[in-house]
Protein backbone atom coordinates (compact mmCIF):
# COMPACT_ATOMS: atom_id res chain seq x y z
CA ASN A 1 24.12 -12.43 -63.58
CA THR A 2 24.65 -8.89 -62.30
CA THR A 3 20.98 -8.21 -61.51
CA SER A 4 20.62 -11.39 -59.46
CA TYR A 5 23.82 -10.56 -57.55
CA ILE A 6 22.55 -7.05 -56.67
CA VAL A 7 19.16 -8.39 -55.49
CA MET A 8 20.84 -11.07 -53.38
CA LYS A 9 23.23 -8.50 -51.86
CA LYS A 10 20.34 -6.19 -50.92
CA TYR A 11 18.48 -9.14 -49.40
CA LEU A 12 21.49 -10.07 -47.28
CA TYR A 13 21.87 -6.46 -46.08
CA VAL A 14 18.20 -6.35 -45.05
CA LEU A 15 18.49 -9.70 -43.27
CA LEU A 16 21.66 -8.61 -41.45
CA ALA A 17 20.08 -5.31 -40.37
CA ALA A 18 17.04 -7.12 -39.02
CA PHE A 19 19.26 -9.54 -37.09
CA VAL A 20 21.28 -6.70 -35.57
CA ALA A 21 18.10 -4.85 -34.52
CA VAL A 22 16.63 -7.92 -32.84
CA PHE A 23 19.93 -8.66 -31.08
CA ALA A 24 20.25 -5.08 -29.86
CA LEU A 25 16.68 -5.04 -28.55
CA SER A 26 17.19 -8.35 -26.78
CA SER A 27 20.43 -7.18 -25.22
CA CYS A 28 18.84 -3.99 -23.89
CA SER A 29 15.90 -5.76 -22.33
CA GLU A 30 17.97 -8.54 -20.74
CA ASP A 31 20.98 -6.50 -19.68
CA ASP A 32 20.24 -2.80 -19.62
CA ASN A 33 22.24 -2.23 -16.43
CA THR A 34 19.11 -1.12 -14.57
CA PRO A 35 19.28 -2.44 -10.98
CA GLU A 36 16.26 -4.45 -9.89
CA GLU A 37 14.20 -2.83 -7.11
CA TYR A 38 13.14 -6.10 -5.50
CA PRO A 39 15.73 -8.82 -6.27
CA ASP A 40 15.01 -12.33 -4.93
CA TRP A 41 11.94 -10.84 -3.29
CA GLN A 42 10.18 -14.04 -2.26
CA ALA A 43 13.29 -15.58 -0.69
CA THR A 44 14.23 -12.26 0.98
CA ASN A 45 10.80 -11.86 2.54
CA GLU A 46 10.59 -15.47 3.68
CA LYS A 47 14.01 -15.37 5.36
CA TYR A 48 13.32 -12.02 7.03
CA PHE A 49 10.05 -13.23 8.53
CA ASP A 50 11.44 -16.61 9.61
CA ASP A 51 14.36 -14.90 11.37
CA LEU A 52 12.03 -12.39 13.03
CA PHE A 53 9.69 -15.17 14.10
CA ALA A 54 12.54 -17.05 15.76
CA THR A 55 13.79 -13.88 17.48
CA ALA A 56 10.33 -13.02 18.78
CA LYS A 57 9.86 -16.55 20.14
CA MET A 58 13.17 -16.25 22.03
CA LYS A 59 12.22 -12.84 23.43
CA GLN A 60 8.88 -14.24 24.57
CA ALA A 61 10.61 -17.18 26.23
CA SER A 62 12.93 -14.79 28.07
CA GLY A 63 9.93 -12.93 29.51
CA ASP A 64 9.94 -9.87 27.26
CA PRO A 65 6.26 -8.75 27.11
CA SER A 66 6.85 -6.33 24.23
CA TRP A 67 7.07 -9.15 21.67
CA LYS A 68 4.23 -11.47 20.69
CA VAL A 69 3.73 -14.31 18.22
CA ILE A 70 0.03 -14.69 17.44
CA ARG A 71 -1.69 -17.47 15.51
CA ASN A 72 -3.79 -16.56 12.47
CA TRP A 73 -7.36 -16.01 13.63
CA THR A 74 -8.74 -18.56 11.16
CA LEU A 75 -6.58 -21.44 12.47
CA ASP A 76 -6.71 -23.58 15.60
CA GLU A 77 -3.61 -24.51 17.56
CA ASN A 78 -3.18 -27.88 15.80
CA SER A 79 -3.39 -26.32 12.33
CA ALA A 80 -0.84 -23.54 12.85
CA LYS A 81 2.36 -25.49 12.24
CA HIS A 82 4.47 -22.99 10.32
CA SER A 83 5.95 -19.60 11.05
CA TYR A 84 3.78 -18.11 8.32
CA ASP A 85 0.64 -19.25 10.16
CA HIS A 86 1.36 -16.43 12.62
CA ILE A 87 2.01 -12.72 12.84
CA VAL A 88 4.82 -11.14 14.87
CA VAL A 89 4.04 -8.13 17.05
CA HIS A 90 6.24 -5.53 18.71
CA VAL A 91 4.16 -3.62 21.26
CA LEU A 92 4.84 0.13 21.01
CA GLN A 93 2.17 1.22 23.49
CA SER A 94 0.02 -0.78 25.88
CA SER A 95 -3.05 1.16 26.99
CA GLY A 96 -3.97 -0.89 30.02
CA GLU A 97 -7.52 -1.24 28.69
CA THR A 98 -9.16 -4.68 28.58
CA VAL A 99 -11.60 -4.21 25.68
CA LYS A 100 -10.91 -5.96 22.37
CA PRO A 101 -12.84 -5.91 19.08
CA TYR A 102 -15.06 -8.81 18.01
CA SER A 103 -14.96 -10.15 14.48
CA THR A 104 -18.37 -8.53 13.86
CA ASP A 105 -17.19 -5.06 14.98
CA SER A 106 -15.96 -2.08 13.07
CA VAL A 107 -12.98 -0.09 14.29
CA ARG A 108 -11.12 3.17 13.85
CA VAL A 109 -7.37 2.85 13.37
CA HIS A 110 -4.44 5.14 12.69
CA TYR A 111 -2.07 3.16 10.51
CA SER A 112 0.86 3.13 8.12
CA GLY A 113 2.13 0.22 6.04
CA ARG A 114 5.60 -0.47 4.65
CA LEU A 115 7.50 -3.12 2.74
CA LEU A 116 10.96 -4.41 3.58
CA PRO A 117 13.86 -2.09 2.69
CA SER A 118 14.73 -2.21 -1.01
CA LEU A 119 17.07 -0.49 -3.47
CA SER A 120 15.33 2.91 -3.50
CA TYR A 121 13.59 2.75 -0.13
CA LYS A 122 15.99 2.32 2.76
CA LEU A 123 13.18 2.31 5.33
CA GLY A 124 10.90 0.25 3.11
CA TYR A 125 8.38 1.60 0.62
CA GLU A 126 5.39 3.15 2.43
CA PHE A 127 2.46 1.86 0.40
CA ASP A 128 -0.38 3.31 2.48
CA LYS A 129 -1.23 5.33 5.60
CA SER A 130 -4.27 6.94 7.19
CA TYR A 131 -2.77 10.40 7.71
CA LYS A 132 -0.70 12.98 5.84
CA GLY A 133 2.86 13.91 6.77
CA GLU A 134 4.12 13.01 10.23
CA PHE A 135 1.64 11.41 12.60
CA ASP A 136 -0.03 13.83 15.01
CA VAL A 137 -2.67 12.32 17.29
CA ASN A 138 -4.28 15.73 17.76
CA THR A 139 -5.09 16.22 14.08
CA ALA A 140 -5.03 12.79 12.41
CA ILE A 141 -8.40 11.24 11.56
CA PRO A 142 -8.36 7.44 11.91
CA THR A 143 -9.75 5.21 9.19
CA LYS A 144 -12.91 3.20 9.86
CA PHE A 145 -13.35 -0.34 8.56
CA ASN A 146 -14.84 -3.71 9.49
CA VAL A 147 -12.45 -5.97 11.38
CA THR A 148 -12.77 -8.89 8.95
CA ASP A 149 -12.58 -6.79 5.77
CA MET A 150 -8.79 -6.67 5.99
CA VAL A 151 -6.10 -9.22 5.10
CA ASP A 152 -5.86 -12.05 7.64
CA GLY A 153 -2.74 -10.61 9.27
CA VAL A 154 -4.38 -7.27 10.09
CA THR A 155 -7.58 -8.94 11.30
CA THR A 156 -5.53 -11.21 13.55
CA ALA A 157 -3.77 -8.21 15.08
CA LEU A 158 -6.98 -6.24 15.66
CA LEU A 159 -8.75 -9.15 17.36
CA ASN A 160 -5.91 -9.33 19.88
CA MET A 161 -5.42 -5.61 20.51
CA ASN A 162 -6.94 -3.73 23.42
CA LEU A 163 -8.53 -0.34 22.81
CA GLY A 164 -5.72 2.24 22.85
CA ASP A 165 -2.91 -0.19 22.02
CA ARG A 166 -0.34 0.69 19.40
CA TRP A 167 1.47 -2.22 17.74
CA GLU A 168 4.11 -2.75 15.10
CA VAL A 169 2.80 -5.76 13.21
CA TYR A 170 4.79 -8.00 10.85
CA ILE A 171 2.64 -10.03 8.47
CA PRO A 172 4.05 -12.83 6.29
CA TYR A 173 2.91 -12.68 2.69
CA GLN A 174 0.80 -15.80 3.23
CA LEU A 175 -1.43 -13.74 5.57
CA GLY A 176 -1.18 -10.65 3.36
CA TYR A 177 -1.60 -10.57 -0.42
CA LYS A 178 0.08 -13.93 -0.92
CA ASP A 179 1.64 -14.44 -4.39
CA GLU A 180 -0.39 -11.66 -6.01
CA GLU A 181 0.68 -8.12 -6.87
CA LYS A 182 -1.60 -5.56 -5.22
CA GLY A 183 -1.21 -2.06 -6.65
CA SER A 184 2.28 -0.90 -5.70
CA ILE A 185 2.85 -3.96 -3.50
CA PRO A 186 4.85 -6.71 -5.25
CA ALA A 187 3.87 -10.35 -4.92
CA TYR A 188 5.37 -12.23 -1.95
CA SER A 189 5.65 -9.08 0.19
CA MET A 190 5.81 -9.24 3.96
CA LEU A 191 3.80 -6.30 5.29
CA LYS A 192 4.88 -4.15 8.24
CA PHE A 193 2.08 -2.11 9.83
CA ASP A 194 2.00 0.48 12.56
CA LEU A 195 -1.52 0.05 13.99
CA TYR A 196 -3.05 2.31 16.63
CA LEU A 197 -6.52 1.16 17.70
CA VAL A 198 -8.57 4.15 18.89
CA GLY A 199 -12.19 3.16 18.33
CA ILE A 200 -14.34 0.03 18.65
CA TYR A 201 -17.98 -0.05 17.53
CA ARG A 202 -20.11 -3.09 18.28
CA LYS A 203 -22.37 -4.54 15.60
CA GLY A 204 -25.59 -2.55 15.29
CA THR A 205 -24.27 0.71 16.70
CA ALA A 206 -23.90 3.87 14.66
CA VAL A 207 -20.34 5.08 14.15
CA PRO A 208 -20.11 8.78 15.02
CA ASP A 209 -17.90 11.28 13.23
CA TRP A 210 -14.41 11.42 14.67
CA LYS A 211 -13.19 14.49 16.51
CA ALA A 212 -9.42 14.43 16.93
CA LYS A 213 -8.45 14.47 20.56
CA GLU A 214 -5.34 13.33 22.33
CA ASN A 215 -5.32 10.10 24.33
CA THR A 216 -9.09 9.62 24.14
CA PHE A 217 -10.55 6.38 22.78
CA GLU A 218 -14.05 5.41 21.71
CA LEU A 219 -16.09 2.34 22.60
CA TRP A 220 -19.66 2.25 21.36
CA ASP A 221 -21.81 -0.68 22.50
CA GLU A 222 -25.46 -1.59 21.86
CA ALA A 223 -26.15 -1.18 25.57
CA TRP A 224 -25.16 2.51 25.45
């Protein structure tokens, strides 16, 4: 009858409208023409580090002292079988000092950290740094932390740096935050740090306040 026909027609309209709304929502979320900031991020980071690792090994073999490949501090030589068991270092400044931190020490470090270049960040997203604006050794105040409180890649670098060294350190995600997102850092991110080691404080010594001064480094030992 006429009433049944009208009810059925309204029902079909409602059903069709619901279908169209769901389809439209699905289409927008799956294909909204928004470029992805970090496409194929795991594969991109793995390839970049593997290529860099191979390049650094070749530079080392050719006698270039400005490049280093260093085994993760928690592994022995027989356990470090993969590229990602190491960090890659480009030495920016060698101080000539012969004093390194111990794992029980605290340190002061000027630093900045970046990701690989991505869609919006051609130099790589800068996720953290210890100073504001451009780095100025005369005014920047270095951050203090315990050597082993950092990710394995940073700890590995610090344990091999001499006081006053400045290194560019490349850390595979396995020695960084691994497969976990950390704040603004996506999972599977290789980390690139600029580390400048300016203070070493042996276990049991008080860490004094820092007074910015150019080309002056601090070593505080129990014997002092």
